[in-house]
Structures are given as C-alpha cells and as structure tokens.
Amino acid sequence: MKAAWQVLRIVRWGLWFATVAYYALFAMYRQDHLTQFGHLMTSTELWMFGLPIAAVFAGFFELMVRERAGLSRPAAGRNWGG
C-alpha cells in the first residue's frame, strides 16, 4: 500500500504540473484555443477544468490510501517528506 500511496503522490503532483503547463501554453498561444467568436474551444475547456479536478481527486485518493497503509499523518509544518 505504501507503493500505491507513493504512485498517487506522483500522479497528483504530475497533474498539478500539467495544469500549470497547460495554462502557460494557453497564455502563450491564446488564439489557438479560441473560436472565431472569442469563446474557449470545448477541448480547451475540458483540459483547463479537467486537469485540476483530476488533481484534487488524486489527492483525495492519496489521503485514502495513506490511511489504509497505516502511515502516520505528518505534523503540521513538519515531516512532509512522508
């Protein structure tokens, strides 16, 4: 279970990194993500809202797996390494 927790931790951070990267891509190439009327394309909306939602749910699953693995909760402000 500890390995599953570590995998979910990596997935969660990867999803947050992908979110920031996609937002940067959007900022650099804005016209590629807009329709002729200035609205977001459907695919852009899915990525912009789906990635952060997936990251939050990965965080929830990470917390669940940590509890099932029997790992202690980190003290507030200390021992965040796991």
N, C-alpha and C. Protein backbone atom coordinates (compact mmCIF):
# COMPACT_ATOMS: atom_id res chain seq x y z
N MET A 1 0.81 -1.20 0.00
CA MET A 1 0.00 0.00 0.00
C MET A 1 0.86 1.26 0.00
N LYS A 2 2.05 1.16 0.58
CA LYS A 2 2.92 2.33 0.60
C LYS A 2 3.34 2.70 -0.82
N ALA A 3 3.57 1.69 -1.66
CA ALA A 3 3.93 1.95 -3.05
C ALA A 3 2.78 2.62 -3.79
N ALA A 4 1.55 2.18 -3.52
CA ALA A 4 0.38 2.80 -4.15
C ALA A 4 0.26 4.25 -3.71
N TRP A 5 0.53 4.52 -2.45
CA TRP A 5 0.49 5.89 -1.93
C TRP A 5 1.52 6.76 -2.64
N GLN A 6 2.71 6.23 -2.82
CA GLN A 6 3.76 7.00 -3.50
C GLN A 6 3.41 7.25 -4.96
N VAL A 7 2.81 6.26 -5.62
CA VAL A 7 2.40 6.44 -7.01
C VAL A 7 1.32 7.52 -7.11
N LEU A 8 0.35 7.49 -6.21
CA LEU A 8 -0.70 8.50 -6.23
C LEU A 8 -0.14 9.89 -5.92
N ARG A 9 0.86 9.94 -5.09
CA ARG A 9 1.51 11.22 -4.78
C ARG A 9 2.18 11.79 -6.03
N ILE A 10 2.86 10.93 -6.78
CA ILE A 10 3.50 11.35 -8.03
C ILE A 10 2.45 11.78 -9.05
N VAL A 11 1.37 11.02 -9.14
CA VAL A 11 0.29 11.35 -10.08
C VAL A 11 -0.31 12.71 -9.74
N ARG A 12 -0.56 12.94 -8.45
CA ARG A 12 -1.15 14.22 -8.03
C ARG A 12 -0.25 15.39 -8.41
N TRP A 13 1.03 15.30 -8.10
CA TRP A 13 1.95 16.38 -8.45
C TRP A 13 2.10 16.52 -9.96
N GLY A 14 2.07 15.40 -10.68
CA GLY A 14 2.14 15.46 -12.13
C GLY A 14 0.93 16.17 -12.74
N LEU A 15 -0.24 15.91 -12.18
CA LEU A 15 -1.44 16.57 -12.68
C LEU A 15 -1.40 18.07 -12.40
N TRP A 16 -0.90 18.48 -11.23
CA TRP A 16 -0.78 19.92 -10.95
C TRP A 16 0.24 20.56 -11.88
N PHE A 17 1.35 19.86 -12.14
CA PHE A 17 2.35 20.38 -13.06
C PHE A 17 1.76 20.51 -14.47
N ALA A 18 0.99 19.51 -14.90
CA ALA A 18 0.36 19.56 -16.22
C ALA A 18 -0.64 20.71 -16.30
N THR A 19 -1.33 20.99 -15.21
CA THR A 19 -2.27 22.11 -15.18
C THR A 19 -1.55 23.42 -15.41
N VAL A 20 -0.48 23.64 -14.66
CA VAL A 20 0.29 24.88 -14.80
C VAL A 20 0.89 24.98 -16.21
N ALA A 21 1.39 23.88 -16.74
CA ALA A 21 1.96 23.89 -18.08
C ALA A 21 0.91 24.20 -19.13
N TYR A 22 -0.30 23.64 -18.99
CA TYR A 22 -1.35 23.91 -19.96
C TYR A 22 -1.80 25.36 -19.90
N TYR A 23 -1.88 25.92 -18.69
CA TYR A 23 -2.25 27.33 -18.56
C TYR A 23 -1.19 28.22 -19.19
N ALA A 24 0.08 27.87 -19.04
CA ALA A 24 1.16 28.64 -19.67
C ALA A 24 1.05 28.53 -21.20
N LEU A 25 0.77 27.33 -21.69
CA LEU A 25 0.59 27.14 -23.13
C LEU A 25 -0.57 27.98 -23.64
N PHE A 26 -1.66 28.02 -22.87
CA PHE A 26 -2.81 28.83 -23.25
C PHE A 26 -2.43 30.32 -23.30
N ALA A 27 -1.66 30.76 -22.32
CA ALA A 27 -1.27 32.18 -22.28
C ALA A 27 -0.37 32.53 -23.46
N MET A 28 0.48 31.61 -23.88
CA MET A 28 1.39 31.89 -25.00
C MET A 28 0.69 31.83 -26.35
N TYR A 29 -0.22 30.89 -26.53
CA TYR A 29 -0.89 30.68 -27.82
C TYR A 29 -2.40 30.80 -27.65
N ARG A 30 -2.85 31.92 -27.17
CA ARG A 30 -4.25 32.13 -26.84
C ARG A 30 -5.18 31.94 -28.04
N GLN A 31 -4.82 32.45 -29.19
CA GLN A 31 -5.68 32.38 -30.37
C GLN A 31 -5.93 30.95 -30.83
N ASP A 32 -5.00 30.06 -30.55
CA ASP A 32 -5.19 28.65 -30.94
C ASP A 32 -6.27 27.96 -30.12
N HIS A 33 -6.66 28.55 -29.00
CA HIS A 33 -7.62 27.92 -28.10
C HIS A 33 -8.98 28.62 -28.10
N LEU A 34 -9.16 29.59 -28.98
CA LEU A 34 -10.41 30.34 -29.03
C LEU A 34 -11.12 30.12 -30.36
N THR A 35 -12.44 30.20 -30.32
CA THR A 35 -13.22 30.10 -31.56
C THR A 35 -13.23 31.47 -32.24
N GLN A 36 -13.88 31.54 -33.37
CA GLN A 36 -13.94 32.80 -34.10
C GLN A 36 -14.71 33.88 -33.35
N PHE A 37 -15.51 33.45 -32.36
CA PHE A 37 -16.29 34.40 -31.57
C PHE A 37 -15.60 34.74 -30.25
N GLY A 38 -14.42 34.22 -30.02
CA GLY A 38 -13.68 34.51 -28.80
C GLY A 38 -14.02 33.61 -27.62
N HIS A 39 -14.72 32.51 -27.89
CA HIS A 39 -15.07 31.56 -26.83
C HIS A 39 -14.01 30.46 -26.76
N LEU A 40 -13.88 29.87 -25.59
CA LEU A 40 -12.96 28.75 -25.45
C LEU A 40 -13.45 27.56 -26.26
N MET A 41 -12.52 26.87 -26.90
CA MET A 41 -12.88 25.63 -27.59
C MET A 41 -13.23 24.58 -26.54
N THR A 42 -14.06 23.63 -26.91
CA THR A 42 -14.50 22.60 -25.97
C THR A 42 -13.33 21.79 -25.43
N SER A 43 -12.39 21.45 -26.29
CA SER A 43 -11.23 20.67 -25.84
C SER A 43 -10.39 21.47 -24.84
N THR A 44 -10.26 22.76 -25.07
CA THR A 44 -9.51 23.60 -24.13
C THR A 44 -10.22 23.66 -22.78
N GLU A 45 -11.54 23.79 -22.81
CA GLU A 45 -12.30 23.80 -21.56
C GLU A 45 -12.11 22.50 -20.79
N LEU A 46 -12.18 21.39 -21.50
CA LEU A 46 -12.02 20.10 -20.84
C LEU A 46 -10.66 19.98 -20.17
N TRP A 47 -9.60 20.38 -20.86
CA TRP A 47 -8.27 20.32 -20.27
C TRP A 47 -8.09 21.31 -19.13
N MET A 48 -8.60 22.54 -19.31
CA MET A 48 -8.40 23.57 -18.29
C MET A 48 -9.17 23.28 -16.99
N PHE A 49 -10.30 22.63 -17.09
CA PHE A 49 -11.07 22.32 -15.90
C PHE A 49 -10.90 20.88 -15.45
N GLY A 50 -10.60 19.99 -16.38
CA GLY A 50 -10.45 18.58 -16.04
C GLY A 50 -9.16 18.26 -15.31
N LEU A 51 -8.05 18.89 -15.71
CA LEU A 51 -6.78 18.61 -15.05
C LEU A 51 -6.78 18.97 -13.57
N PRO A 52 -7.22 20.17 -13.18
CA PRO A 52 -7.22 20.46 -11.74
C PRO A 52 -8.21 19.60 -10.95
N ILE A 53 -9.34 19.27 -11.55
CA ILE A 53 -10.30 18.42 -10.85
C ILE A 53 -9.70 17.02 -10.66
N ALA A 54 -9.02 16.52 -11.67
CA ALA A 54 -8.36 15.22 -11.54
C ALA A 54 -7.27 15.27 -10.47
N ALA A 55 -6.55 16.39 -10.36
CA ALA A 55 -5.51 16.52 -9.34
C ALA A 55 -6.12 16.51 -7.94
N VAL A 56 -7.24 17.16 -7.76
CA VAL A 56 -7.90 17.18 -6.46
C VAL A 56 -8.37 15.77 -6.09
N PHE A 57 -8.97 15.06 -7.04
CA PHE A 57 -9.42 13.71 -6.75
C PHE A 57 -8.25 12.77 -6.50
N ALA A 58 -7.14 12.97 -7.21
CA ALA A 58 -5.95 12.16 -6.93
C ALA A 58 -5.46 12.43 -5.51
N GLY A 59 -5.57 13.67 -5.06
CA GLY A 59 -5.21 13.99 -3.68
C GLY A 59 -6.11 13.29 -2.68
N PHE A 60 -7.41 13.24 -2.98
CA PHE A 60 -8.34 12.53 -2.10
C PHE A 60 -7.98 11.04 -2.02
N PHE A 61 -7.70 10.45 -3.17
CA PHE A 61 -7.32 9.04 -3.19
C PHE A 61 -5.99 8.82 -2.47
N GLU A 62 -5.09 9.78 -2.61
CA GLU A 62 -3.81 9.68 -1.91
C GLU A 62 -4.03 9.64 -0.40
N LEU A 63 -4.90 10.51 0.10
CA LEU A 63 -5.20 10.51 1.54
C LEU A 63 -5.84 9.20 1.98
N MET A 64 -6.74 8.67 1.15
CA MET A 64 -7.40 7.43 1.48
C MET A 64 -6.39 6.27 1.56
N VAL A 65 -5.50 6.21 0.57
CA VAL A 65 -4.52 5.12 0.54
C VAL A 65 -3.53 5.26 1.69
N ARG A 66 -3.18 6.50 2.05
CA ARG A 66 -2.26 6.69 3.17
C ARG A 66 -2.88 6.16 4.47
N GLU A 67 -4.16 6.41 4.66
CA GLU A 67 -4.83 5.90 5.86
C GLU A 67 -4.87 4.37 5.86
N ARG A 68 -5.15 3.78 4.69
CA ARG A 68 -5.22 2.31 4.61
C ARG A 68 -3.85 1.66 4.77
N ALA A 69 -2.81 2.39 4.38
CA ALA A 69 -1.45 1.86 4.51
C ALA A 69 -0.95 1.95 5.94
N GLY A 70 -1.67 2.70 6.77
CA GLY A 70 -1.26 2.83 8.17
C GLY A 70 -0.15 3.84 8.38
N LEU A 71 0.10 4.69 7.41
CA LEU A 71 1.13 5.71 7.56
C LEU A 71 0.59 6.83 8.43
N SER A 72 1.46 7.34 9.30
CA SER A 72 1.01 8.40 10.20
C SER A 72 0.87 9.71 9.45
N ARG A 73 -0.02 10.54 9.94
CA ARG A 73 -0.22 11.86 9.35
C ARG A 73 0.96 12.74 9.74
N PRO A 74 1.42 13.59 8.81
CA PRO A 74 2.53 14.47 9.17
C PRO A 74 2.07 15.54 10.15
N ALA A 75 2.96 15.92 11.06
CA ALA A 75 2.65 17.00 11.99
C ALA A 75 2.57 18.30 11.19
N ALA A 76 1.73 19.20 11.64
CA ALA A 76 1.54 20.46 10.92
C ALA A 76 2.86 21.22 10.84
N GLY A 77 3.29 21.49 9.59
CA GLY A 77 4.51 22.27 9.37
C GLY A 77 5.79 21.48 9.44
N ARG A 78 5.73 20.17 9.76
CA ARG A 78 6.94 19.36 9.87
C ARG A 78 6.73 18.01 9.19
N ASN A 79 7.82 17.39 8.82
CA ASN A 79 7.82 16.00 8.35
C ASN A 79 6.90 15.78 7.16
N TRP A 80 7.01 16.62 6.15
CA TRP A 80 6.17 16.47 4.97
C TRP A 80 6.77 15.49 3.97
N GLY A 81 7.92 14.95 4.26
CA GLY A 81 8.56 14.03 3.33
C GLY A 81 7.91 12.66 3.28
N GLY A 82 7.14 12.28 4.26
CA GLY A 82 6.46 11.02 4.23
C GLY A 82 7.18 10.00 5.04
